[in-house]
Amino acid sequence: MKPTKTKGVSASKKAGKPAAGRKPIFAVAIAAVVLLAAAAYFFLEGRSPPSPGPGTANYPSVAAAKMDLQRLIGDWARPDGGYVIAIRRITPDGRVEAAYLNPRPINVSRAEASVVGDAATLFIELRDAGYPGSTYELLYDPRSDRFAGVYFQAAMGQRFDVVFVRKK
């Protein structure tokens, strides 16, 4: 026998009972909306706004950060030996013209500077006899006017904490 209907409403609804299956579907829908909102928030939270090209006047903070890289130009010595990084030029796209001396010149195959947040970084890769891809990954501290970071000695496969101070 079919349930009696009154104006399109089932007898169970008329008696104040919820329709079977409605609560689980409603709970699943709410959970799905909450999960989608949380995923969107965390996805968008980790993204930074796109950076403009160099020299864009509408973004003075980016231009100022790029210009701050010019503070890195100069000669930098490691106090624990005769190692010197000589930074001669930094282009707007972050390429660095640098020399490395120990005390004789060692070939610098790649050198790059960048700004990460408020910090300037310097990456140098050496390719020469005894330096098969050794690298420096340095962070500039403007308060102490020095670099600190890690030297990876590729021939030995070892990492060393290092500091470079500006030569006067």
N, C-alpha and C. Protein backbone atom coordinates (compact mmCIF):
# COMPACT_ATOMS: atom_id res chain seq x y z
N MET A 1 0.82 -1.16 0.00
CA MET A 1 0.00 0.00 0.00
C MET A 1 0.88 1.24 0.00
N LYS A 2 0.52 2.24 -0.78
CA LYS A 2 1.28 3.47 -0.90
C LYS A 2 0.94 4.40 0.25
N PRO A 3 1.95 5.20 0.71
CA PRO A 3 1.62 6.18 1.74
C PRO A 3 0.67 7.22 1.18
N THR A 4 -0.21 7.69 2.00
CA THR A 4 -1.16 8.69 1.54
C THR A 4 -0.48 10.04 1.43
N LYS A 5 -0.84 10.79 0.45
CA LYS A 5 -0.25 12.11 0.23
C LYS A 5 -1.31 13.16 0.41
N THR A 6 -0.89 14.24 1.02
CA THR A 6 -1.78 15.37 1.15
C THR A 6 -1.10 16.55 0.51
N LYS A 7 -1.63 17.01 -0.60
CA LYS A 7 -1.07 18.14 -1.35
C LYS A 7 0.42 17.97 -1.59
N GLY A 8 0.90 16.81 -2.04
CA GLY A 8 2.29 16.57 -2.41
C GLY A 8 3.20 16.31 -1.25
N VAL A 9 2.72 16.15 -0.02
CA VAL A 9 3.55 15.89 1.14
C VAL A 9 3.25 14.49 1.63
N SER A 10 4.32 13.70 1.90
CA SER A 10 4.09 12.33 2.35
C SER A 10 3.54 12.33 3.76
N ALA A 11 2.95 11.21 4.13
CA ALA A 11 2.35 11.08 5.45
C ALA A 11 3.40 11.16 6.54
N SER A 12 4.63 10.64 6.27
CA SER A 12 5.68 10.69 7.29
C SER A 12 6.12 12.13 7.55
N LYS A 13 6.15 12.96 6.51
CA LYS A 13 6.51 14.36 6.70
C LYS A 13 5.41 15.11 7.44
N LYS A 14 4.19 14.75 7.11
CA LYS A 14 3.06 15.43 7.73
C LYS A 14 3.06 15.18 9.23
N ALA A 15 3.56 14.04 9.62
CA ALA A 15 3.60 13.70 11.04
C ALA A 15 4.79 14.34 11.75
N GLY A 16 5.65 15.10 11.01
CA GLY A 16 6.79 15.78 11.60
C GLY A 16 8.06 14.96 11.59
N LYS A 17 8.09 13.85 10.89
CA LYS A 17 9.28 13.01 10.81
C LYS A 17 10.07 13.41 9.57
N PRO A 18 11.40 13.53 9.67
CA PRO A 18 12.19 13.88 8.49
C PRO A 18 12.21 12.72 7.51
N ALA A 19 12.35 13.05 6.25
CA ALA A 19 12.43 12.03 5.21
C ALA A 19 13.71 11.24 5.40
N ALA A 20 13.64 9.95 5.17
CA ALA A 20 14.80 9.08 5.34
C ALA A 20 15.89 9.48 4.34
N GLY A 21 17.15 9.53 4.77
CA GLY A 21 18.27 9.81 3.88
C GLY A 21 18.60 11.28 3.75
N ARG A 22 17.82 12.18 4.23
CA ARG A 22 18.09 13.61 4.08
C ARG A 22 19.23 14.08 4.96
N LYS A 23 19.33 13.64 6.20
CA LYS A 23 20.37 14.09 7.12
C LYS A 23 21.76 13.70 6.63
N PRO A 24 22.00 12.47 6.20
CA PRO A 24 23.35 12.12 5.73
C PRO A 24 23.76 12.93 4.51
N ILE A 25 22.86 13.16 3.58
CA ILE A 25 23.21 13.92 2.37
C ILE A 25 23.54 15.36 2.75
N PHE A 26 22.77 15.94 3.65
CA PHE A 26 23.00 17.30 4.08
C PHE A 26 24.37 17.42 4.79
N ALA A 27 24.69 16.45 5.66
CA ALA A 27 25.96 16.46 6.38
C ALA A 27 27.14 16.30 5.42
N VAL A 28 27.00 15.43 4.43
CA VAL A 28 28.06 15.24 3.43
C VAL A 28 28.26 16.52 2.62
N ALA A 29 27.18 17.18 2.25
CA ALA A 29 27.28 18.42 1.48
C ALA A 29 27.99 19.50 2.29
N ILE A 30 27.65 19.64 3.56
CA ILE A 30 28.32 20.64 4.41
C ILE A 30 29.80 20.30 4.56
N ALA A 31 30.12 19.04 4.79
CA ALA A 31 31.52 18.63 4.93
C ALA A 31 32.29 18.92 3.65
N ALA A 32 31.68 18.67 2.50
CA ALA A 32 32.35 18.93 1.22
C ALA A 32 32.62 20.41 1.04
N VAL A 33 31.65 21.26 1.38
CA VAL A 33 31.84 22.71 1.26
C VAL A 33 32.96 23.17 2.19
N VAL A 34 32.98 22.68 3.42
CA VAL A 34 34.02 23.08 4.37
C VAL A 34 35.40 22.63 3.87
N LEU A 35 35.49 21.40 3.38
CA LEU A 35 36.78 20.91 2.87
C LEU A 35 37.25 21.71 1.66
N LEU A 36 36.35 22.03 0.76
CA LEU A 36 36.73 22.84 -0.41
C LEU A 36 37.19 24.24 0.00
N ALA A 37 36.48 24.84 0.95
CA ALA A 37 36.88 26.17 1.43
C ALA A 37 38.25 26.12 2.10
N ALA A 38 38.48 25.10 2.92
CA ALA A 38 39.79 24.96 3.58
C ALA A 38 40.90 24.74 2.57
N ALA A 39 40.66 23.90 1.57
CA ALA A 39 41.67 23.64 0.54
C ALA A 39 41.97 24.90 -0.24
N ALA A 40 40.94 25.66 -0.60
CA ALA A 40 41.15 26.91 -1.33
C ALA A 40 41.95 27.90 -0.49
N TYR A 41 41.63 28.01 0.80
CA TYR A 41 42.35 28.92 1.68
C TYR A 41 43.83 28.56 1.76
N PHE A 42 44.13 27.29 2.01
CA PHE A 42 45.53 26.89 2.15
C PHE A 42 46.27 26.97 0.82
N PHE A 43 45.59 26.70 -0.28
CA PHE A 43 46.22 26.80 -1.59
C PHE A 43 46.57 28.25 -1.89
N LEU A 44 45.61 29.15 -1.67
CA LEU A 44 45.85 30.56 -1.98
C LEU A 44 46.75 31.23 -0.97
N GLU A 45 46.74 30.78 0.28
CA GLU A 45 47.57 31.38 1.32
C GLU A 45 49.05 31.23 0.99
N GLY A 46 49.46 30.12 0.43
CA GLY A 46 50.87 29.86 0.13
C GLY A 46 51.36 30.55 -1.12
N ARG A 47 50.47 31.12 -1.89
CA ARG A 47 50.87 31.76 -3.14
C ARG A 47 51.17 33.23 -2.90
N SER A 48 52.19 33.71 -3.55
CA SER A 48 52.49 35.13 -3.46
C SER A 48 52.01 35.79 -4.75
N PRO A 49 51.78 37.09 -4.72
CA PRO A 49 51.33 37.75 -5.93
C PRO A 49 52.43 37.70 -6.98
N PRO A 50 52.06 37.71 -8.25
CA PRO A 50 53.08 37.65 -9.29
C PRO A 50 53.99 38.86 -9.22
N SER A 51 55.27 38.64 -9.44
CA SER A 51 56.20 39.76 -9.38
C SER A 51 56.28 40.41 -10.76
N PRO A 52 56.35 41.72 -10.79
CA PRO A 52 56.43 42.43 -12.07
C PRO A 52 57.84 42.31 -12.63
N GLY A 53 57.97 42.70 -13.88
CA GLY A 53 59.29 42.69 -14.50
C GLY A 53 60.17 43.75 -13.89
N PRO A 54 61.50 43.66 -14.11
CA PRO A 54 62.41 44.66 -13.56
C PRO A 54 62.07 46.06 -14.08
N GLY A 55 62.23 47.02 -13.21
CA GLY A 55 62.03 48.41 -13.61
C GLY A 55 60.57 48.84 -13.65
N THR A 56 59.67 48.06 -13.11
CA THR A 56 58.26 48.43 -13.11
C THR A 56 58.04 49.50 -12.05
N ALA A 57 57.62 50.67 -12.48
CA ALA A 57 57.47 51.81 -11.57
C ALA A 57 56.33 51.62 -10.58
N ASN A 58 55.34 50.81 -10.90
CA ASN A 58 54.20 50.64 -10.01
C ASN A 58 54.53 49.81 -8.78
N TYR A 59 55.67 49.21 -8.73
CA TYR A 59 56.04 48.34 -7.62
C TYR A 59 57.38 48.80 -7.03
N PRO A 60 57.41 49.92 -6.28
CA PRO A 60 58.67 50.44 -5.76
C PRO A 60 59.37 49.48 -4.81
N SER A 61 58.61 48.64 -4.08
CA SER A 61 59.27 47.74 -3.13
C SER A 61 60.12 46.71 -3.88
N VAL A 62 59.65 46.24 -5.03
CA VAL A 62 60.44 45.29 -5.81
C VAL A 62 61.66 45.99 -6.39
N ALA A 63 61.47 47.19 -6.92
CA ALA A 63 62.60 47.92 -7.46
C ALA A 63 63.62 48.22 -6.38
N ALA A 64 63.16 48.58 -5.19
CA ALA A 64 64.08 48.87 -4.09
C ALA A 64 64.84 47.61 -3.68
N ALA A 65 64.15 46.46 -3.67
CA ALA A 65 64.81 45.21 -3.31
C ALA A 65 65.88 44.86 -4.32
N LYS A 66 65.61 45.04 -5.60
CA LYS A 66 66.60 44.76 -6.64
C LYS A 66 67.79 45.71 -6.50
N MET A 67 67.53 46.96 -6.18
CA MET A 67 68.61 47.91 -6.03
C MET A 67 69.45 47.59 -4.80
N ASP A 68 68.84 47.01 -3.78
CA ASP A 68 69.57 46.65 -2.57
C ASP A 68 70.66 45.62 -2.86
N LEU A 69 70.50 44.83 -3.91
CA LEU A 69 71.53 43.86 -4.27
C LEU A 69 72.85 44.54 -4.60
N GLN A 70 72.80 45.78 -4.99
CA GLN A 70 74.04 46.51 -5.30
C GLN A 70 74.92 46.67 -4.07
N ARG A 71 74.34 46.56 -2.88
CA ARG A 71 75.13 46.63 -1.64
C ARG A 71 76.10 45.46 -1.54
N LEU A 72 75.86 44.41 -2.30
CA LEU A 72 76.72 43.23 -2.22
C LEU A 72 78.02 43.39 -3.00
N ILE A 73 78.10 44.39 -3.85
CA ILE A 73 79.31 44.59 -4.66
C ILE A 73 80.48 44.94 -3.75
N GLY A 74 81.60 44.26 -4.00
CA GLY A 74 82.80 44.49 -3.21
C GLY A 74 83.57 43.21 -3.03
N ASP A 75 84.62 43.27 -2.23
CA ASP A 75 85.46 42.11 -1.95
C ASP A 75 85.13 41.57 -0.57
N TRP A 76 84.93 40.25 -0.49
CA TRP A 76 84.52 39.57 0.72
C TRP A 76 85.52 38.48 1.06
N ALA A 77 86.00 38.47 2.29
CA ALA A 77 87.02 37.50 2.71
C ALA A 77 86.48 36.57 3.79
N ARG A 78 86.89 35.31 3.70
CA ARG A 78 86.59 34.37 4.78
C ARG A 78 87.66 34.51 5.84
N PRO A 79 87.31 34.82 7.08
CA PRO A 79 88.31 35.01 8.14
C PRO A 79 89.13 33.76 8.44
N ASP A 80 88.65 32.58 8.05
CA ASP A 80 89.37 31.34 8.36
C ASP A 80 90.39 30.94 7.30
N GLY A 81 90.68 31.81 6.35
CA GLY A 81 91.67 31.46 5.33
C GLY A 81 91.80 32.56 4.30
N GLY A 82 92.47 32.25 3.22
CA GLY A 82 92.72 33.24 2.17
C GLY A 82 91.68 33.23 1.07
N TYR A 83 90.45 32.84 1.40
CA TYR A 83 89.39 32.74 0.40
C TYR A 83 88.72 34.09 0.22
N VAL A 84 88.57 34.53 -1.03
CA VAL A 84 87.98 35.83 -1.31
C VAL A 84 86.96 35.69 -2.44
N ILE A 85 85.80 36.30 -2.23
CA ILE A 85 84.81 36.45 -3.30
C ILE A 85 84.82 37.92 -3.68
N ALA A 86 85.07 38.19 -4.96
CA ALA A 86 85.08 39.57 -5.46
C ALA A 86 83.85 39.74 -6.36
N ILE A 87 82.88 40.49 -5.88
CA ILE A 87 81.66 40.74 -6.65
C ILE A 87 81.85 42.06 -7.39
N ARG A 88 81.84 42.00 -8.70
CA ARG A 88 82.11 43.17 -9.52
C ARG A 88 80.85 43.84 -10.05
N ARG A 89 79.82 43.03 -10.36
CA ARG A 89 78.61 43.58 -10.97
C ARG A 89 77.44 42.64 -10.72
N ILE A 90 76.24 43.21 -10.53
CA ILE A 90 75.01 42.43 -10.40
C ILE A 90 74.00 43.02 -11.37
N THR A 91 73.52 42.20 -12.30
CA THR A 91 72.56 42.66 -13.30
C THR A 91 71.16 42.68 -12.70
N PRO A 92 70.23 43.40 -13.33
CA PRO A 92 68.86 43.45 -12.79
C PRO A 92 68.19 42.08 -12.67
N ASP A 93 68.59 41.12 -13.49
CA ASP A 93 67.97 39.79 -13.39
C ASP A 93 68.69 38.88 -12.39
N GLY A 94 69.68 39.43 -11.66
CA GLY A 94 70.33 38.67 -10.59
C GLY A 94 71.62 37.96 -10.96
N ARG A 95 72.04 38.06 -12.20
CA ARG A 95 73.32 37.44 -12.56
C ARG A 95 74.46 38.26 -11.94
N VAL A 96 75.45 37.53 -11.44
CA VAL A 96 76.56 38.18 -10.74
C VAL A 96 77.86 37.92 -11.50
N GLU A 97 78.61 39.00 -11.70
CA GLU A 97 79.97 38.86 -12.21
C GLU A 97 80.88 38.82 -10.99
N ALA A 98 81.49 37.65 -10.76
CA ALA A 98 82.27 37.46 -9.55
C ALA A 98 83.53 36.67 -9.85
N ALA A 99 84.52 36.87 -9.00
CA ALA A 99 85.75 36.08 -9.04
C ALA A 99 85.90 35.42 -7.68
N TYR A 100 86.59 34.26 -7.68
CA TYR A 100 86.86 33.56 -6.42
C TYR A 100 88.35 33.28 -6.38
N LEU A 101 88.96 33.62 -5.26
CA LEU A 101 90.41 33.47 -5.11
C LEU A 101 90.71 32.60 -3.89
N ASN A 102 91.68 31.67 -4.06
CA ASN A 102 92.03 30.76 -2.96
C ASN A 102 93.52 30.42 -2.98
N PRO A 103 94.48 31.18 -2.80
CA PRO A 103 94.52 32.61 -3.14
C PRO A 103 94.58 32.85 -4.64
N ARG A 104 94.83 31.78 -5.42
CA ARG A 104 94.82 31.96 -6.88
C ARG A 104 93.39 31.92 -7.39
N PRO A 105 93.13 32.44 -8.59
CA PRO A 105 91.76 32.46 -9.13
C PRO A 105 91.23 31.04 -9.39
N ILE A 106 90.00 30.82 -9.02
CA ILE A 106 89.26 29.57 -9.28
C ILE A 106 88.08 29.96 -10.17
N ASN A 107 87.80 29.16 -11.18
CA ASN A 107 86.73 29.49 -12.13
C ASN A 107 85.35 29.47 -11.46
N VAL A 108 84.64 30.59 -11.61
CA VAL A 108 83.26 30.70 -11.15
C VAL A 108 82.38 30.36 -12.36
N SER A 109 81.71 29.20 -12.31
CA SER A 109 80.88 28.80 -13.45
C SER A 109 79.50 29.44 -13.41
N ARG A 110 79.02 29.76 -12.22
CA ARG A 110 77.70 30.38 -12.09
C ARG A 110 77.65 31.18 -10.80
N ALA A 111 77.07 32.37 -10.88
CA ALA A 111 76.89 33.20 -9.69
C ALA A 111 75.58 33.96 -9.84
N GLU A 112 74.76 33.90 -8.80
CA GLU A 112 73.45 34.55 -8.84
C GLU A 112 73.14 35.17 -7.49
N ALA A 113 72.47 36.31 -7.53
CA ALA A 113 71.99 36.97 -6.32
C ALA A 113 70.48 37.11 -6.45
N SER A 114 69.80 37.05 -5.32
CA SER A 114 68.35 37.22 -5.34
C SER A 114 67.89 37.79 -4.01
N VAL A 115 66.64 38.22 -4.01
CA VAL A 115 66.03 38.71 -2.79
C VAL A 115 64.91 37.74 -2.43
N VAL A 116 64.97 37.21 -1.23
CA VAL A 116 63.94 36.31 -0.72
C VAL A 116 63.38 36.97 0.53
N GLY A 117 62.16 37.46 0.44
CA GLY A 117 61.60 38.24 1.55
C GLY A 117 62.39 39.52 1.68
N ASP A 118 62.97 39.74 2.85
CA ASP A 118 63.80 40.93 3.08
C ASP A 118 65.28 40.61 3.01
N ALA A 119 65.64 39.38 2.66
CA ALA A 119 67.04 38.95 2.70
C ALA A 119 67.62 38.82 1.29
N ALA A 120 68.88 39.19 1.17
CA ALA A 120 69.62 39.01 -0.08
C ALA A 120 70.41 37.70 0.03
N THR A 121 70.37 36.92 -1.04
CA THR A 121 71.11 35.66 -1.07
C THR A 121 72.12 35.69 -2.21
N LEU A 122 73.16 34.89 -2.05
CA LEU A 122 74.19 34.76 -3.07
C LEU A 122 74.49 33.28 -3.26
N PHE A 123 74.47 32.84 -4.51
CA PHE A 123 74.82 31.47 -4.85
C PHE A 123 75.99 31.52 -5.81
N ILE A 124 77.03 30.74 -5.50
CA ILE A 124 78.21 30.66 -6.37
C ILE A 124 78.56 29.21 -6.58
N GLU A 125 78.79 28.85 -7.84
CA GLU A 125 79.23 27.50 -8.19
C GLU A 125 80.62 27.60 -8.81
N LEU A 126 81.52 26.75 -8.31
CA LEU A 126 82.90 26.72 -8.79
C LEU A 126 83.12 25.47 -9.63
N ARG A 127 83.80 25.63 -10.77
CA ARG A 127 84.17 24.49 -11.61
C ARG A 127 85.61 24.71 -12.06
N ASP A 128 86.50 23.95 -11.42
CA ASP A 128 87.92 24.07 -11.72
C ASP A 128 88.61 22.84 -11.15
N ALA A 129 89.90 22.72 -11.35
CA ALA A 129 90.65 21.59 -10.79
C ALA A 129 90.49 21.60 -9.26
N GLY A 130 90.02 20.48 -8.71
CA GLY A 130 89.79 20.40 -7.27
C GLY A 130 88.46 20.99 -6.82
N TYR A 131 87.72 21.59 -7.73
CA TYR A 131 86.44 22.21 -7.43
C TYR A 131 85.38 21.75 -8.45
N PRO A 132 85.03 20.47 -8.41
CA PRO A 132 84.08 19.94 -9.41
C PRO A 132 82.61 20.21 -9.04
N GLY A 133 82.23 21.48 -9.05
CA GLY A 133 80.85 21.82 -8.70
C GLY A 133 80.67 22.19 -7.25
N SER A 134 81.72 22.64 -6.61
CA SER A 134 81.60 23.12 -5.23
C SER A 134 80.75 24.39 -5.24
N THR A 135 79.98 24.60 -4.18
CA THR A 135 79.06 25.74 -4.15
C THR A 135 79.10 26.49 -2.82
N TYR A 136 78.76 27.75 -2.92
CA TYR A 136 78.49 28.58 -1.75
C TYR A 136 77.03 28.98 -1.81
N GLU A 137 76.31 28.82 -0.71
CA GLU A 137 74.95 29.33 -0.56
C GLU A 137 74.98 30.25 0.64
N LEU A 138 74.91 31.56 0.36
CA LEU A 138 75.13 32.56 1.40
C LEU A 138 73.94 33.50 1.56
N LEU A 139 73.76 33.95 2.78
CA LEU A 139 72.71 34.90 3.12
C LEU A 139 73.39 36.16 3.65
N TYR A 140 73.00 37.32 3.11
CA TYR A 140 73.61 38.58 3.52
C TYR A 140 72.89 39.15 4.73
N ASP A 141 73.65 39.55 5.73
CA ASP A 141 73.11 40.21 6.92
C ASP A 141 73.52 41.68 6.86
N PRO A 142 72.59 42.58 6.55
CA PRO A 142 72.95 43.99 6.41
C PRO A 142 73.39 44.64 7.72
N ARG A 143 72.90 44.14 8.87
CA ARG A 143 73.29 44.74 10.15
C ARG A 143 74.76 44.54 10.44
N SER A 144 75.27 43.35 10.15
CA SER A 144 76.70 43.09 10.40
C SER A 144 77.53 43.24 9.14
N ASP A 145 76.88 43.51 8.00
CA ASP A 145 77.55 43.64 6.70
C ASP A 145 78.45 42.43 6.43
N ARG A 146 77.83 41.25 6.48
CA ARG A 146 78.58 40.03 6.21
C ARG A 146 77.67 38.97 5.61
N PHE A 147 78.29 37.98 5.00
CA PHE A 147 77.58 36.81 4.49
C PHE A 147 77.81 35.65 5.44
N ALA A 148 76.80 34.82 5.59
CA ALA A 148 76.94 33.58 6.34
C ALA A 148 76.17 32.51 5.57
N GLY A 149 76.70 31.30 5.60
CA GLY A 149 76.00 30.24 4.88
C GLY A 149 76.78 28.95 4.88
N VAL A 150 76.62 28.20 3.78
CA VAL A 150 77.19 26.87 3.68
C VAL A 150 78.05 26.76 2.43
N TYR A 151 79.23 26.19 2.62
CA TYR A 151 80.11 25.85 1.51
C TYR A 151 80.04 24.34 1.33
N PHE A 152 79.69 23.90 0.12
CA PHE A 152 79.67 22.48 -0.20
C PHE A 152 80.93 22.17 -0.99
N GLN A 153 81.83 21.38 -0.40
CA GLN A 153 83.07 20.98 -1.06
C GLN A 153 82.76 19.67 -1.79
N ALA A 154 82.52 19.78 -3.10
CA ALA A 154 82.02 18.66 -3.89
C ALA A 154 83.02 17.50 -3.96
N ALA A 155 84.31 17.78 -4.06
CA ALA A 155 85.30 16.70 -4.17
C ALA A 155 85.29 15.80 -2.94
N MET A 156 85.03 16.38 -1.78
CA MET A 156 85.00 15.61 -0.53
C MET A 156 83.58 15.26 -0.10
N GLY A 157 82.57 15.88 -0.75
CA GLY A 157 81.18 15.63 -0.39
C GLY A 157 80.83 16.13 1.00
N GLN A 158 81.47 17.21 1.45
CA GLN A 158 81.24 17.74 2.79
C GLN A 158 80.71 19.17 2.74
N ARG A 159 79.98 19.52 3.79
CA ARG A 159 79.43 20.88 3.94
C ARG A 159 80.09 21.55 5.14
N PHE A 160 80.36 22.85 4.97
CA PHE A 160 80.99 23.63 6.04
C PHE A 160 80.23 24.94 6.22
N ASP A 161 80.01 25.32 7.48
CA ASP A 161 79.44 26.64 7.77
C ASP A 161 80.55 27.66 7.57
N VAL A 162 80.22 28.73 6.83
CA VAL A 162 81.23 29.75 6.52
C VAL A 162 80.67 31.15 6.73
N VAL A 163 81.59 32.09 6.86
CA VAL A 163 81.27 33.52 6.99
C VAL A 163 82.23 34.28 6.08
N PHE A 164 81.71 35.30 5.41
CA PHE A 164 82.52 36.22 4.64
C PHE A 164 82.27 37.63 5.17
N VAL A 165 83.36 38.37 5.41
CA VAL A 165 83.24 39.77 5.83
C VAL A 165 83.79 40.66 4.74
N ARG A 166 83.23 41.87 4.69
CA ARG A 166 83.68 42.81 3.66
C ARG A 166 85.11 43.25 3.93
N LYS A 167 85.94 43.20 2.90
CA LYS A 167 87.32 43.70 3.04
C LYS A 167 87.29 45.23 2.99
N LYS A 168 88.03 45.84 3.89
CA LYS A 168 88.07 47.31 3.96
C LYS A 168 89.14 47.86 3.05
